[in-house]
Amino acid sequence: MKPSELFSSRRSIREFTPREVTRAEIETLLENAVAAPNHRLTQPWKFFVLGPEARRAYGVALGARKAKKIEDPAAAEQLRQKIGEEHAALPLMIAIAIAQNENPEIREEDYAAGMMAVQNIALTAVALGLGTHIKSGAVMDDPAARAAIGVADGYRVIAMMNVGEPANVPAAKPRKSAAEVTEWLP
């Protein structure tokens, strides 16, 4: 598949078939992730492949954050467990973390490199007939979510990726053309 086809085929997949992602597919995703450019060759990334128990624990942590808005304790607990079960049922989740360098310039470069690794995973998934849903947000700093992932202090979780065979592929959303966001300087 040509790179332009990979780029135009990538979508955020929210529904997956029950097919498990094979160990060989996971290793291919991660081998391509570590090929991402990284300034100073810091290789700041660490990948966490979550099994069903870890996915459930992460989902419960996410559910607990959402349940804070619910006054009824039974309904809040039901939401926590529901989100936990939804995450446990996902074919694969990968957490991507980067080492937190004390130098702000290196820390910023490492974040960019980590996100390039995320993109490599997403594009490799398309090439393998898989799909991804990339997630970020405050939950990744939540102590319960970090414990579910098993990430140590000194690492920042920058993305969670749900991966699997797409149950359906949504249509492309409209995007601005390159010409609309490009300035040619003399």
Protein backbone atom coordinates (compact mmCIF):
# COMPACT_ATOMS: atom_id res chain seq x y z
CA MET A 1 0.00 0.00 0.00
CA LYS A 2 1.37 3.43 -0.91
CA PRO A 3 1.96 5.89 1.95
CA SER A 4 -0.74 8.22 0.61
CA GLU A 5 -3.22 5.31 0.73
CA LEU A 6 -2.24 4.53 4.32
CA PHE A 7 -2.71 8.17 5.34
CA SER A 8 -6.08 8.51 3.64
CA SER A 9 -7.31 5.12 4.94
CA ARG A 10 -6.57 5.72 8.62
CA ARG A 11 -9.69 6.31 10.70
CA SER A 12 -10.58 6.36 14.38
CA ILE A 13 -12.21 2.97 14.85
CA ARG A 14 -14.66 2.71 17.72
CA GLU A 15 -16.05 -0.77 17.10
CA PHE A 16 -13.93 -3.87 16.64
CA THR A 17 -14.67 -7.47 15.77
CA PRO A 18 -13.90 -9.99 18.52
CA ARG A 19 -10.83 -11.27 16.61
CA GLU A 20 -7.77 -11.13 18.82
CA VAL A 21 -4.73 -9.25 17.60
CA THR A 22 -1.91 -11.78 17.27
CA ARG A 23 1.39 -11.55 19.08
CA ALA A 24 3.14 -11.23 15.70
CA GLU A 25 0.89 -8.29 14.76
CA ILE A 26 1.57 -6.58 18.09
CA GLU A 27 5.31 -7.04 17.67
CA THR A 28 5.11 -5.57 14.15
CA LEU A 29 3.23 -2.54 15.49
CA LEU A 30 5.84 -1.97 18.17
CA GLU A 31 8.87 -2.59 15.93
CA ASN A 32 7.56 0.09 13.57
CA ALA A 33 6.85 2.40 16.52
CA VAL A 34 10.48 2.36 17.64
CA ALA A 35 11.57 3.31 14.11
CA ALA A 36 10.06 6.78 14.68
CA PRO A 37 12.44 9.73 14.47
CA ASN A 38 13.71 10.93 17.84
CA HIS A 39 16.04 13.84 18.29
CA ARG A 40 19.33 12.95 20.01
CA LEU A 41 18.31 9.29 19.68
CA THR A 42 16.80 9.42 23.18
CA GLN A 43 14.34 6.61 22.39
CA PRO A 44 12.10 7.94 25.17
CA TRP A 45 9.20 5.54 24.72
CA LYS A 46 7.89 2.64 26.70
CA PHE A 47 4.95 0.57 25.52
CA PHE A 48 2.51 -1.26 27.76
CA VAL A 49 0.43 -4.01 26.13
CA LEU A 50 -2.60 -4.41 28.36
CA GLY A 51 -4.17 -7.83 28.88
CA PRO A 52 -7.86 -8.22 29.80
CA GLU A 53 -7.34 -7.62 33.55
CA ALA A 54 -5.27 -4.47 32.96
CA ARG A 55 -7.79 -3.24 30.36
CA ARG A 56 -10.61 -3.78 32.86
CA ALA A 57 -8.71 -1.96 35.62
CA TYR A 58 -7.97 0.96 33.29
CA GLY A 59 -11.65 1.04 32.25
CA VAL A 60 -12.76 1.07 35.89
CA ALA A 61 -10.40 4.00 36.55
CA LEU A 62 -11.85 5.85 33.56
CA GLY A 63 -15.36 4.94 34.69
CA ALA A 64 -14.65 6.26 38.19
CA ARG A 65 -13.75 9.64 36.71
CA LYS A 66 -17.00 9.70 34.72
CA ALA A 67 -19.02 8.42 37.69
CA LYS A 68 -18.06 11.46 39.79
CA LYS A 69 -20.88 13.31 38.01
CA ILE A 70 -23.48 10.76 39.15
CA GLU A 71 -25.07 11.30 42.56
CA ASP A 72 -26.59 7.82 42.97
CA PRO A 73 -23.81 5.53 44.32
CA ALA A 74 -25.34 2.39 42.77
CA ALA A 75 -25.61 4.03 39.35
CA ALA A 76 -22.05 5.33 39.68
CA GLU A 77 -20.76 1.85 40.50
CA GLN A 78 -22.74 0.40 37.60
CA LEU A 79 -21.09 2.91 35.24
CA ARG A 80 -17.61 2.09 36.57
CA GLN A 81 -18.16 -1.63 36.02
CA LYS A 82 -19.76 -1.13 32.59
CA ILE A 83 -16.79 0.88 31.32
CA GLY A 84 -14.43 -1.65 32.88
CA GLU A 85 -16.13 -4.51 31.02
CA GLU A 86 -16.14 -2.55 27.74
CA HIS A 87 -12.39 -2.05 28.02
CA ALA A 88 -11.76 -5.69 29.00
CA ALA A 89 -13.61 -6.75 25.84
CA LEU A 90 -11.37 -4.71 23.53
CA PRO A 91 -9.07 -6.85 21.37
CA LEU A 92 -5.98 -4.85 22.36
CA MET A 93 -4.94 -1.73 24.23
CA ILE A 94 -1.47 -0.25 24.12
CA ALA A 95 -0.37 2.57 26.42
CA ILE A 96 2.44 4.73 25.10
CA ALA A 97 4.57 6.53 27.66
CA ILE A 98 7.69 8.64 27.43
CA ALA A 99 10.47 9.26 29.91
CA GLN A 100 10.25 12.71 31.50
CA ASN A 101 13.60 14.35 30.96
CA GLU A 102 14.55 17.19 33.32
CA ASN A 103 15.57 19.36 30.37
CA PRO A 104 12.41 21.10 29.01
CA GLU A 105 13.76 21.16 25.45
CA ILE A 106 14.47 17.42 25.45
CA ARG A 107 11.14 16.74 27.16
CA GLU A 108 9.33 18.53 24.30
CA GLU A 109 11.39 16.72 21.65
CA ASP A 110 10.64 13.40 23.34
CA TYR A 111 6.90 14.13 23.38
CA ALA A 112 7.03 14.80 19.63
CA ALA A 113 8.96 11.56 19.09
CA GLY A 114 6.43 9.64 21.18
CA MET A 115 3.58 10.97 19.08
CA MET A 116 5.45 9.96 15.92
CA ALA A 117 5.66 6.45 17.37
CA VAL A 118 1.88 6.60 17.92
CA GLN A 119 1.42 7.57 14.26
CA ASN A 120 3.68 4.70 13.17
CA ILE A 121 1.49 2.27 15.13
CA ALA A 122 -1.67 3.71 13.58
CA LEU A 123 -0.34 3.49 10.03
CA THR A 124 1.11 0.02 10.55
CA ALA A 125 -2.28 -1.09 11.86
CA VAL A 126 -3.93 0.07 8.62
CA ALA A 127 -1.35 -1.84 6.58
CA LEU A 128 -2.14 -4.98 8.64
CA GLY A 129 -5.90 -4.62 8.15
CA LEU A 130 -6.37 -3.37 11.71
CA GLY A 131 -7.75 -0.13 13.05
CA THR A 132 -6.94 2.10 15.99
CA HIS A 133 -8.57 4.63 18.24
CA ILE A 134 -6.04 6.99 19.80
CA LYS A 135 -7.06 8.48 23.14
CA SER A 136 -5.46 11.04 25.41
CA GLY A 137 -6.58 13.13 28.34
CA ALA A 138 -6.39 13.72 32.04
CA VAL A 139 -7.24 10.11 32.92
CA MET A 140 -3.68 9.16 31.97
CA ASP A 141 -2.42 11.04 35.03
CA ASP A 142 -4.99 9.40 37.30
CA PRO A 143 -3.20 7.22 39.92
CA ALA A 144 -5.63 4.32 39.41
CA ALA A 145 -5.18 4.45 35.62
CA ARG A 146 -1.39 4.62 35.97
CA ALA A 147 -1.50 1.63 38.34
CA ALA A 148 -3.63 -0.33 35.86
CA ILE A 149 -1.08 0.38 33.14
CA GLY A 150 1.88 -0.32 35.43
CA VAL A 151 3.71 2.86 34.49
CA ALA A 152 6.49 3.99 36.83
CA ASP A 153 7.13 7.47 38.14
CA GLY A 154 9.24 9.46 35.73
CA TYR A 155 7.11 8.45 32.74
CA ARG A 156 4.26 10.37 31.16
CA VAL A 157 1.50 8.40 29.44
CA ILE A 158 0.87 10.29 26.20
CA ALA A 159 -1.65 8.05 24.45
CA MET A 160 -3.83 4.99 24.83
CA MET A 161 -4.50 3.07 21.65
CA ASN A 162 -7.36 0.67 21.17
CA VAL A 163 -6.41 -1.72 18.37
CA GLY A 164 -8.30 -4.43 16.53
CA GLU A 165 -9.98 -5.54 13.37
CA PRO A 166 -12.56 -2.86 12.48
CA ALA A 167 -16.20 -3.94 12.75
CA ASN A 168 -16.96 -0.98 10.52
CA VAL A 169 -14.95 1.86 9.08
CA PRO A 170 -16.47 5.33 9.24
CA ALA A 171 -16.37 7.66 6.27
CA ALA A 172 -13.58 10.20 6.14
CA LYS A 173 -14.30 13.49 7.86
CA PRO A 174 -13.68 16.65 5.89
CA ARG A 175 -10.26 18.19 6.34
CA LYS A 176 -8.67 21.36 5.13
CA SER A 177 -6.44 20.97 2.12
CA ALA A 178 -2.70 21.46 2.45
CA ALA A 179 -3.05 24.60 0.34
CA GLU A 180 -5.42 26.10 2.93
CA VAL A 181 -2.90 25.78 5.75
CA THR A 182 0.35 26.49 3.91
CA GLU A 183 2.18 29.76 3.53
CA TRP A 184 4.96 30.01 0.93
CA LEU A 185 7.66 32.37 2.09
CA PRO A 186 10.14 34.18 -0.15
